[in-house]
Protein backbone atom coordinates (compact mmCIF):
# COMPACT_ATOMS: atom_id res chain seq x y z
CA MET A 1 0.02 -0.11 0.10
CA ASN A 2 2.70 2.37 0.87
CA ALA A 3 4.57 1.40 -2.17
CA LEU A 4 1.51 2.25 -4.30
CA LYS A 5 1.36 5.72 -2.59
CA MET A 6 5.02 6.42 -3.01
CA SER A 7 4.76 5.47 -6.90
CA ASN A 8 1.61 7.76 -7.22
CA LYS A 9 3.36 10.62 -5.35
CA LYS A 10 6.29 10.20 -7.55
CA GLU A 11 4.22 10.25 -10.80
CA THR A 12 2.42 13.42 -9.49
CA PHE A 13 5.82 14.97 -8.76
CA THR A 14 7.05 13.96 -12.21
CA ALA A 15 3.97 15.73 -13.79
CA LYS A 16 4.18 18.79 -12.05
CA ALA A 17 8.09 18.76 -12.60
CA LYS A 18 7.19 18.52 -16.33
CA GLU A 19 4.41 20.99 -16.22
CA ARG A 20 6.78 23.69 -14.47
CA LEU A 21 9.50 22.95 -17.25
CA THR A 22 7.17 23.50 -19.76
CA TYR A 23 6.01 26.87 -17.98
CA VAL A 24 9.82 27.95 -17.86
CA VAL A 25 10.33 26.95 -21.36
CA LEU A 26 7.09 28.73 -22.49
CA ALA A 27 8.29 31.71 -20.28
CA SER A 28 11.75 31.84 -21.68
CA LEU A 29 10.32 31.69 -25.19
CA LEU A 30 7.91 34.36 -24.55
CA ILE A 31 10.47 36.66 -23.21
CA TYR A 32 12.81 35.97 -25.92
CA ILE A 33 10.12 36.87 -28.35
CA ILE A 34 9.13 39.94 -26.67
CA PHE A 35 12.97 40.97 -26.21
CA SER A 36 13.23 40.28 -29.99
CA PHE A 37 10.11 42.44 -31.05
CA LEU A 38 11.84 45.18 -28.84
CA LEU A 39 15.23 44.88 -30.31
CA ILE A 40 13.78 44.68 -33.82
CA ALA A 41 11.72 47.81 -33.12
CA ASN A 42 14.87 49.85 -31.63
CA THR A 43 16.75 48.80 -34.70
CA ARG A 44 14.03 50.36 -36.63
CA ARG A 45 13.71 53.31 -34.87
CA GLN A 46 17.55 53.62 -35.15
CA LEU A 47 17.46 53.22 -38.75
CA ALA A 48 14.61 55.44 -39.33
CA ALA A 49 16.59 58.18 -37.35
CA MET A 50 19.61 57.75 -39.40
CA GLU A 51 17.70 57.70 -42.74
CA THR A 52 15.98 60.73 -41.52
CA ALA A 53 19.14 62.43 -40.76
CA HIS A 54 20.75 61.25 -44.05
CA GLN A 55 17.98 62.62 -45.68
CA ALA A 56 18.36 66.04 -44.19
CA SER A 57 22.18 66.06 -44.93
CA MET A 58 21.39 65.55 -48.55
CA ARG A 59 18.79 68.29 -48.46
CA LYS A 60 21.36 70.37 -47.07
CA LEU A 61 23.77 69.74 -49.52
CA ILE A 62 21.37 69.99 -52.23
CA LEU A 63 20.23 73.33 -50.86
CA ARG A 64 24.23 74.51 -50.64
CA GLN A 65 24.64 73.12 -54.28
CA VAL A 66 21.82 75.05 -55.43
CA LYS A 67 22.90 78.06 -53.68
CA VAL A 68 26.53 77.94 -55.06
CA GLU A 69 25.35 77.54 -58.44
CA ASN A 70 23.30 80.51 -58.18
CA ASP A 71 25.82 82.41 -56.66
CA LEU A 72 28.18 81.31 -59.43
CA ARG A 73 25.63 82.08 -62.18
CA ILE A 74 25.08 85.72 -60.96
CA SER A 75 28.82 86.09 -60.55
CA ASN A 76 29.15 85.00 -64.14
CA ASP A 77 26.25 87.27 -65.40
CA ALA A 78 27.48 90.12 -63.27
CA LEU A 79 31.06 89.60 -65.02
CA ALA A 80 29.41 89.47 -68.34
CA GLN A 81 27.61 92.41 -67.61
CA ARG A 82 30.68 94.31 -66.52
CA LEU A 83 32.84 93.26 -69.56
CA GLY A 84 29.76 94.03 -71.80
CA VAL A 85 29.44 90.70 -73.49
CA THR A 86 26.84 87.89 -72.82
CA GLU A 87 27.38 84.35 -72.95
CA GLN A 88 26.73 83.93 -76.66
CA GLU A 89 29.07 86.50 -77.33
CA LEU A 90 31.87 84.77 -75.19
CA GLN A 91 31.02 81.52 -77.26
CA GLN A 92 31.33 83.50 -80.32
CA GLN A 93 34.67 85.02 -79.31
CA ARG A 94 36.11 81.61 -78.58
CA ILE A 95 34.57 80.24 -82.20
CA ASP A 96 36.33 83.41 -83.68
CA LYS A 97 39.73 82.82 -81.90
CA SER A 98 39.61 79.06 -82.73
CA VAL A 99 39.02 79.95 -86.39
CA ASP A 100 41.75 82.41 -86.37
CA LEU A 101 44.22 79.87 -84.89
CA HIS A 102 43.36 77.53 -87.35
CA TRP A 103 43.57 79.79 -90.23
CA GLN A 104 47.11 81.00 -88.92
CA GLN A 105 48.35 77.44 -88.57
CA TRP A 106 47.12 76.60 -92.11
CA GLU A 107 48.80 79.88 -93.39
CA LEU A 108 52.19 78.90 -91.86
CA ALA A 109 52.01 75.69 -93.25
CA ARG A 110 51.16 76.86 -96.72
CA GLN A 111 54.11 79.32 -96.45
CA MET A 112 56.65 76.64 -94.91
CA GLN A 113 55.57 74.40 -98.09
CA SER A 114 56.11 77.24 -100.34
CA GLN A 115 59.49 78.03 -99.00
CA VAL A 116 60.47 74.30 -99.05
CA VAL A 117 59.40 74.16 -102.93
CA ALA A 118 61.50 77.28 -103.46
CA ARG A 119 64.57 75.87 -101.80
CA GLN A 120 64.26 72.94 -103.49
CA ALA A 121 64.10 74.81 -106.98
CA GLN A 122 67.04 76.73 -105.85
CA ILE A 123 68.97 73.62 -105.17
CA GLY A 124 68.22 72.40 -108.48
CA GLN A 125 69.18 75.44 -110.19
CA VAL A 126 72.37 75.81 -108.30
CA THR A 127 73.04 72.07 -109.14
CA GLY A 128 72.55 72.79 -112.50
CA ASP A 129 74.62 75.93 -112.55
CA VAL A 130 77.51 73.78 -111.00
CA GLY A 131 77.33 71.40 -113.85
CA ASN A 132 77.68 74.52 -116.19
CA ILE A 133 80.33 75.75 -114.11
CA ARG A 134 82.38 72.80 -114.55
CA THR A 135 81.64 72.39 -118.18
CA GLU A 136 83.01 76.01 -118.54
CA LEU A 137 86.03 75.39 -116.42
CA VAL A 138 86.87 72.36 -118.44
CA GLY A 139 86.47 74.64 -121.83
CA ALA A 140 88.52 77.64 -119.76
CA ARG A 141 91.33 75.10 -118.98
CA SER A 142 91.54 74.29 -122.72
CA ASP A 143 91.74 78.16 -123.71
CA ILE A 144 94.27 78.69 -120.94
CA VAL A 145 96.55 75.98 -122.29
CA ALA A 146 96.04 77.37 -125.83
CA ASN A 147 96.74 80.93 -124.61
CA ARG A 148 99.90 80.01 -123.05
CA LEU A 149 101.04 78.28 -126.03
CA ASP A 150 100.03 81.47 -127.94
CA LEU A 151 101.67 83.65 -125.59
CA ALA A 152 105.03 81.66 -125.55
CA SER A 153 105.07 81.92 -129.45
CA THR A 154 104.41 85.78 -129.10
CA ASN A 155 107.14 86.13 -126.65
CA ALA A 156 109.69 84.08 -128.63
CA LYS A 157 108.97 86.45 -131.85
CA LEU A 158 108.66 89.73 -129.70
CA ASP A 159 112.28 91.55 -130.10
CA HIS A 160 111.23 94.91 -128.92
CA ALA A 161 109.56 96.43 -125.77
CA VAL A 162 107.06 98.93 -124.94
CA GLY A 163 108.16 102.18 -123.60
CA ASP A 164 106.62 104.52 -121.13
CA LEU A 165 105.50 107.12 -123.56
CA ASN A 166 102.81 104.63 -124.97
CA GLY A 167 104.71 103.70 -128.00
CA GLN A 168 106.94 100.97 -128.94
CA SER A 169 110.67 101.31 -128.44
CA ARG A 170 113.26 100.29 -130.55
CA LEU A 171 115.42 96.95 -129.67
CA ILE A 172 116.42 96.76 -125.86
CA ALA A 173 119.35 94.99 -124.21
CA ARG A 174 118.76 93.11 -121.12
CA THR A 175 122.30 92.23 -120.84
CA ARG A 176 125.84 93.48 -121.92
CA GLU A 177 125.93 90.98 -124.65
CA GLU A 178 122.65 92.11 -126.05
CA LEU A 179 123.99 95.84 -125.68
CA GLU A 180 127.11 95.02 -127.72
CA ASP A 181 124.87 93.34 -130.52
CA LEU A 182 122.86 96.47 -130.38
CA ARG A 183 125.74 98.88 -131.00
CA HIS A 184 126.84 96.53 -133.96
CA ARG A 185 123.57 97.53 -135.79
CA GLY A 186 124.85 100.95 -135.85
CA ASP A 187 121.26 102.83 -136.04
CA ARG A 188 121.55 104.59 -132.40
CA SER A 189 124.14 105.49 -129.93
CA TYR A 190 124.19 103.59 -126.61
CA TYR A 191 126.02 104.86 -123.42
CA GLU A 192 126.49 102.25 -120.63
CA PHE A 193 126.52 103.53 -117.41
CA THR A 194 126.51 102.67 -113.54
CA LEU A 195 124.64 104.93 -111.02
CA SER A 196 124.88 105.03 -107.18
CA LYS A 197 122.29 105.82 -104.67
CA GLY A 198 122.70 109.51 -103.44
CA ALA A 199 125.08 110.49 -105.86
CA THR A 200 124.79 113.92 -107.79
CA PRO A 201 123.37 113.68 -111.28
CA THR A 202 125.75 111.88 -113.72
CA PRO A 203 126.31 113.31 -117.06
CA ILE A 204 125.60 110.84 -119.98
CA SER A 205 125.59 111.98 -123.58
CA THR A 206 123.44 115.12 -123.57
CA VAL A 207 121.57 114.30 -120.35
CA SER A 208 122.12 113.57 -116.79
CA LEU A 209 120.86 110.89 -114.85
CA GLN A 210 120.55 110.66 -110.94
CA LEU A 211 119.35 107.37 -108.78
CA LYS A 212 116.86 108.23 -106.01
CA GLN A 213 115.56 105.14 -104.75
CA VAL A 214 116.51 101.35 -105.48
CA ASP A 215 114.75 98.33 -104.20
CA PRO A 216 116.43 95.14 -105.09
CA LYS A 217 113.74 92.84 -103.49
CA ARG A 218 110.97 94.28 -105.77
CA ASN A 219 113.74 94.87 -108.50
CA ASN A 220 112.54 98.41 -109.21
CA PHE A 221 113.93 101.97 -108.87
CA THR A 222 113.38 105.63 -108.87
CA LEU A 223 115.27 107.75 -111.30
CA ASN A 224 115.80 111.34 -112.41
CA VAL A 225 116.24 112.45 -115.82
CA VAL A 226 117.84 115.95 -116.23
CA ALA A 227 117.43 117.39 -119.73
CA ASP A 228 116.75 120.76 -121.23
CA ASP A 229 117.12 122.39 -117.64
CA ARG A 230 114.27 120.37 -116.41
CA THR A 231 114.03 117.32 -114.15
CA ILE A 232 111.81 114.20 -115.15
CA GLU A 233 111.21 111.74 -112.34
CA LYS A 234 110.71 108.05 -113.66
CA LYS A 235 109.27 106.57 -110.47
CA GLU A 236 109.35 103.05 -109.10
CA ARG A 237 110.36 101.51 -112.61
CA GLY A 238 111.43 98.08 -113.16
CA VAL A 239 114.21 96.41 -114.83
CA ALA A 240 114.27 96.18 -118.50
CA GLU A 241 111.47 98.83 -118.62
CA PRO A 242 112.23 101.39 -121.51
CA LEU A 243 112.25 104.89 -119.71
CA GLN A 244 111.53 107.21 -122.71
CA PHE A 245 111.53 110.91 -123.18
CA TYR A 246 112.18 113.69 -125.76
CA THR A 247 114.93 116.22 -125.62
CA GLY A 248 116.94 118.87 -127.57
CA ARG A 249 115.67 121.32 -130.27
CA ASP A 250 114.43 118.90 -132.79
CA ARG A 251 112.41 116.66 -129.76
CA GLN A 252 114.46 113.43 -130.35
CA LEU A 253 113.59 110.25 -128.44
CA TYR A 254 115.80 109.14 -125.84
CA GLU A 255 115.61 105.76 -124.15
CA VAL A 256 116.90 104.65 -120.61
CA VAL A 257 117.29 101.00 -119.88
CA ILE A 258 118.17 99.51 -116.43
CA PHE A 259 119.18 95.78 -116.89
CA LYS A 260 120.81 95.20 -113.33
CA VAL A 261 119.49 96.27 -109.66
CA GLU A 262 121.99 95.76 -106.91
CA THR A 263 121.69 97.46 -103.38
CA ASN A 264 122.18 101.11 -103.56
CA ARG A 265 123.26 101.05 -107.48
CA VAL A 266 121.86 100.30 -110.53
CA ALA A 267 123.69 99.58 -114.16
CA GLY A 268 122.01 100.13 -117.66
CA TYR A 269 122.57 102.32 -120.74
CA LEU A 270 121.03 105.19 -122.77
CA SER A 271 120.03 104.89 -126.27
CA THR A 272 120.27 108.25 -128.30
CA PRO A 273 119.67 108.92 -131.92
CA LYS A 274 122.87 109.13 -133.93
CA SER A 275 122.20 112.83 -134.85
CA ALA A 276 122.14 113.63 -131.14
CA ASN A 277 125.12 115.84 -130.24
CA THR A 278 127.18 114.86 -127.23
CA THR A 279 126.95 118.03 -125.34
CA VAL A 280 125.42 117.73 -121.93
CA ALA A 281 122.27 119.67 -121.28
CA GLY A 282 123.07 122.51 -118.94
CA ASN A 283 126.62 122.24 -119.10
């Protein structure tokens, strides 16, 4: 009997324990659900507040942007009014400047192309001229050779020299041997002499000669001829150059030839007509 009671008590205790556990679980579940709802509601409130704040910030930014754009537009309009131009005019000025720039670039390119073409033409012309010059040089070289041969032949045939009175002299001697040959011809008289620099005039035939300057390096000299009471200067003359002058009552042609130049002296001869007397002029 006691065992049956103990068993019933045990079953009753177990049933109550299960019931209590069920209540605890249900209570815990209810608390969790309530807490969850509260958390969700709080989260939603926070999200709504953040959204509201974000929207307010966006509105402020939009308002600020609109204000800045308005201020900028007002500033541009004011600047345009100060400059006396409109937006369309500014745009037109930009277009005009762009067109001018393109035109200048095109014109510059055209001028450069023209210069290149002109330079090429000049180069071609110069090349042609160089070819012509080469041809002319070849011809000139041949002419020079021919002229040299002609000159040599002419020099070989010449047996007289040109005097300083723009006329041709008779035969001249360049050495004593040639002077002897002239004397043997007998058509003129020849007087050989040697003159020293700085000496007084030296009487020769009917005239007097005085050596003023002598330059052996250049082979030239300056000579004074005293005839008919007057002095004729033959300045900076060369060796074998006939020095001609007229003297006497009949104005006969005299000729002085210097064939040797040394330091401070010269040697040569005086050529006179056979009819000239031998009295020195002025003596």
